[in-house]
Protein backbone atom coordinates (compact mmCIF):
# COMPACT_ATOMS: atom_id res chain seq x y z
CA UNK A 1 -2.86 -71.98 156.73
CA UNK A 2 -5.35 -70.48 154.51
CA UNK A 3 -3.36 -67.11 153.05
CA UNK A 4 -5.51 -64.22 153.46
CA UNK A 5 -5.12 -63.53 149.43
CA UNK A 6 -7.15 -66.85 149.22
CA UNK A 7 -9.97 -64.84 151.30
CA UNK A 8 -13.62 -64.42 149.26
CA UNK A 9 -11.80 -65.06 145.60
CA UNK A 10 -13.96 -63.00 142.89
CA UNK A 11 -14.71 -66.36 140.76
CA UNK A 12 -15.22 -68.82 144.24
CA UNK A 13 -17.02 -66.29 146.25
CA UNK A 14 -19.10 -65.84 142.50
CA UNK A 15 -19.99 -69.78 142.50
CA UNK A 16 -20.93 -70.04 146.33
CA UNK A 17 -23.15 -67.13 146.37
CA UNK A 18 -24.73 -68.80 143.41
CA UNK A 19 -25.00 -72.35 144.97
CA UNK A 20 -26.16 -70.29 148.07
CA UNK A 21 -28.71 -68.36 146.01
CA UNK A 22 -30.24 -72.38 144.39
CA UNK A 23 -30.74 -73.56 148.32
CA UNK A 24 -32.84 -70.96 149.06
CA UNK A 25 -34.95 -71.13 145.77
CA UNK A 26 -35.05 -74.34 146.60
CA UNK A 27 -35.72 -74.46 150.37
CA UNK A 28 -38.75 -71.66 149.31
CA UNK A 29 -40.05 -73.73 146.42
CA UNK A 30 -40.23 -77.37 148.58
CA UNK A 31 -37.93 -78.33 146.04
CA UNK A 32 -37.01 -81.83 147.64
CA UNK A 33 -34.72 -83.10 145.32
CA UNK A 34 -32.61 -80.10 144.68
CA UNK A 35 -32.01 -79.86 148.72
CA UNK A 36 -31.01 -83.15 148.73
CA UNK A 37 -28.83 -82.57 146.02
CA UNK A 38 -27.17 -79.62 147.16
CA UNK A 39 -26.19 -81.40 150.98
CA UNK A 40 -23.04 -84.08 151.11
CA UNK A 41 -24.67 -87.47 150.82
CA UNK A 42 -22.92 -88.79 153.98
CA UNK A 43 -23.98 -89.93 157.07
CA UNK A 44 -21.29 -87.00 158.47
CA UNK A 45 -23.42 -84.22 157.66
CA UNK A 46 -25.23 -82.19 160.18
CA UNK A 47 -27.74 -79.96 160.50
CA UNK A 48 -29.14 -78.58 163.99
CA UNK A 49 -32.62 -77.10 163.97
CA UNK A 50 -34.99 -75.27 165.76
CA UNK A 51 -36.44 -78.43 167.22
CA UNK A 52 -33.96 -81.55 165.21
CA UNK A 53 -30.14 -82.19 165.03
CA UNK A 54 -29.99 -84.34 162.49
CA UNK A 55 -27.44 -86.17 161.77
CA UNK A 56 -26.61 -88.01 158.40
CA UNK A 57 -28.04 -87.27 155.23
CA UNK A 58 -30.79 -90.08 155.60
CA UNK A 59 -32.23 -88.28 158.70
CA UNK A 60 -31.92 -84.42 156.91
CA UNK A 61 -33.73 -86.24 154.13
CA UNK A 62 -37.01 -87.96 156.16
CA UNK A 63 -36.76 -84.31 157.97
CA UNK A 64 -37.38 -82.55 154.42
CA UNK A 65 -40.01 -85.32 153.71
CA UNK A 66 -42.00 -85.21 156.64
CA UNK A 67 -41.98 -81.10 156.83
CA UNK A 68 -45.16 -78.92 155.68
CA UNK A 69 -44.38 -77.40 152.57
CA UNK A 70 -46.69 -74.39 153.36
CA UNK A 71 -45.43 -70.82 154.79
CA UNK A 72 -41.36 -71.41 153.70
CA UNK A 73 -41.47 -68.13 151.56
CA UNK A 74 -38.63 -65.58 153.91
CA UNK A 75 -37.08 -62.28 153.16
CA UNK A 76 -33.32 -62.32 153.78
CA UNK A 77 -31.07 -59.83 155.24
CA UNK A 78 -27.56 -59.99 156.79
CA UNK A 79 -26.61 -62.24 154.37
CA UNK A 80 -22.15 -63.24 154.94
CA UNK A 81 -21.16 -65.09 152.32
CA UNK A 82 -17.20 -65.62 152.90
CA UNK A 83 -15.02 -67.95 151.53
CA UNK A 84 -11.68 -69.94 152.33
CA UNK A 85 -9.45 -70.85 149.56
CA UNK A 86 -11.59 -72.30 146.61
CA UNK A 87 -12.61 -75.36 148.09
CA UNK A 88 -14.25 -74.26 151.36
CA UNK A 89 -17.20 -71.36 152.59
CA UNK A 90 -19.76 -70.23 155.23
CA UNK A 91 -22.76 -68.81 154.13
CA UNK A 92 -24.59 -67.03 157.56
CA UNK A 93 -27.77 -65.02 156.87
CA UNK A 94 -31.25 -63.69 159.01
CA UNK A 95 -34.60 -64.17 157.77
CA UNK A 96 -38.70 -63.09 158.63
CA UNK A 97 -41.07 -64.61 157.09
CA UNK A 98 -44.20 -62.68 155.88
CA UNK A 99 -46.35 -61.61 158.57
CA UNK A 100 -43.77 -61.80 161.26
CA UNK A 101 -41.26 -59.89 163.08
CA UNK A 102 -39.58 -62.80 164.28
CA UNK A 103 -36.00 -63.39 163.51
CA UNK A 104 -35.08 -66.68 162.33
CA UNK A 105 -30.73 -67.10 161.44
CA UNK A 106 -29.03 -69.98 159.67
CA UNK A 107 -25.68 -70.85 158.93
CA UNK A 108 -23.64 -73.53 156.22
CA UNK A 109 -20.56 -74.78 155.84
CA UNK A 110 -19.88 -76.10 152.05
CA UNK A 111 -16.71 -77.55 150.70
CA UNK A 112 -16.64 -77.79 147.10
CA UNK A 113 -15.76 -82.07 146.09
CA UNK A 114 -15.27 -83.43 142.87
CA UNK A 115 -19.40 -82.86 142.03
CA UNK A 116 -19.31 -79.34 142.96
CA UNK A 117 -20.60 -77.46 146.15
CA UNK A 118 -22.35 -79.59 148.78
CA UNK A 119 -24.20 -78.00 152.60
CA UNK A 120 -21.52 -80.16 155.45
CA UNK A 121 -22.55 -78.50 158.24
CA UNK A 122 -26.23 -76.60 158.80
CA UNK A 123 -27.63 -74.25 161.32
CA UNK A 124 -31.03 -73.23 161.68
CA UNK A 125 -32.14 -70.68 164.43
CA UNK A 126 -35.54 -68.87 165.56
CA UNK A 127 -37.21 -66.89 167.79
CA UNK A 128 -40.25 -68.65 167.66
CA UNK A 129 -40.42 -68.67 163.44
CA UNK A 130 -42.12 -72.15 162.72
CA UNK A 131 -40.44 -73.70 159.66
CA UNK A 132 -36.91 -72.68 160.03
CA UNK A 133 -34.63 -73.21 157.02
């Protein structure tokens, strides 16, 4: 059971926030290597998208490699990052793409491993946006 004093500890929150925005920068610049580095390299990693359900790091890598690189920039809003203890966090955000009022959403579960913070599960959804996170 988690002690509420261990929710959103400032140093841990700062680490996860930095990792989240590192992911966002890699995403909009289509930096496949950086994106890959931020996911857990394991068959149990899951990424559920608007039109695809990806199970395992190999499926996620194949999706990223085949994804169009244009039109990925977005504006984030209502970003919420919550840490639970020193080793687990959930990041949620909404986003819009330039020239569109349609709303996208993403949520990620991050876990700290000995080698750093990694996404172990992600969900992207959109209201008709192409190129969901």
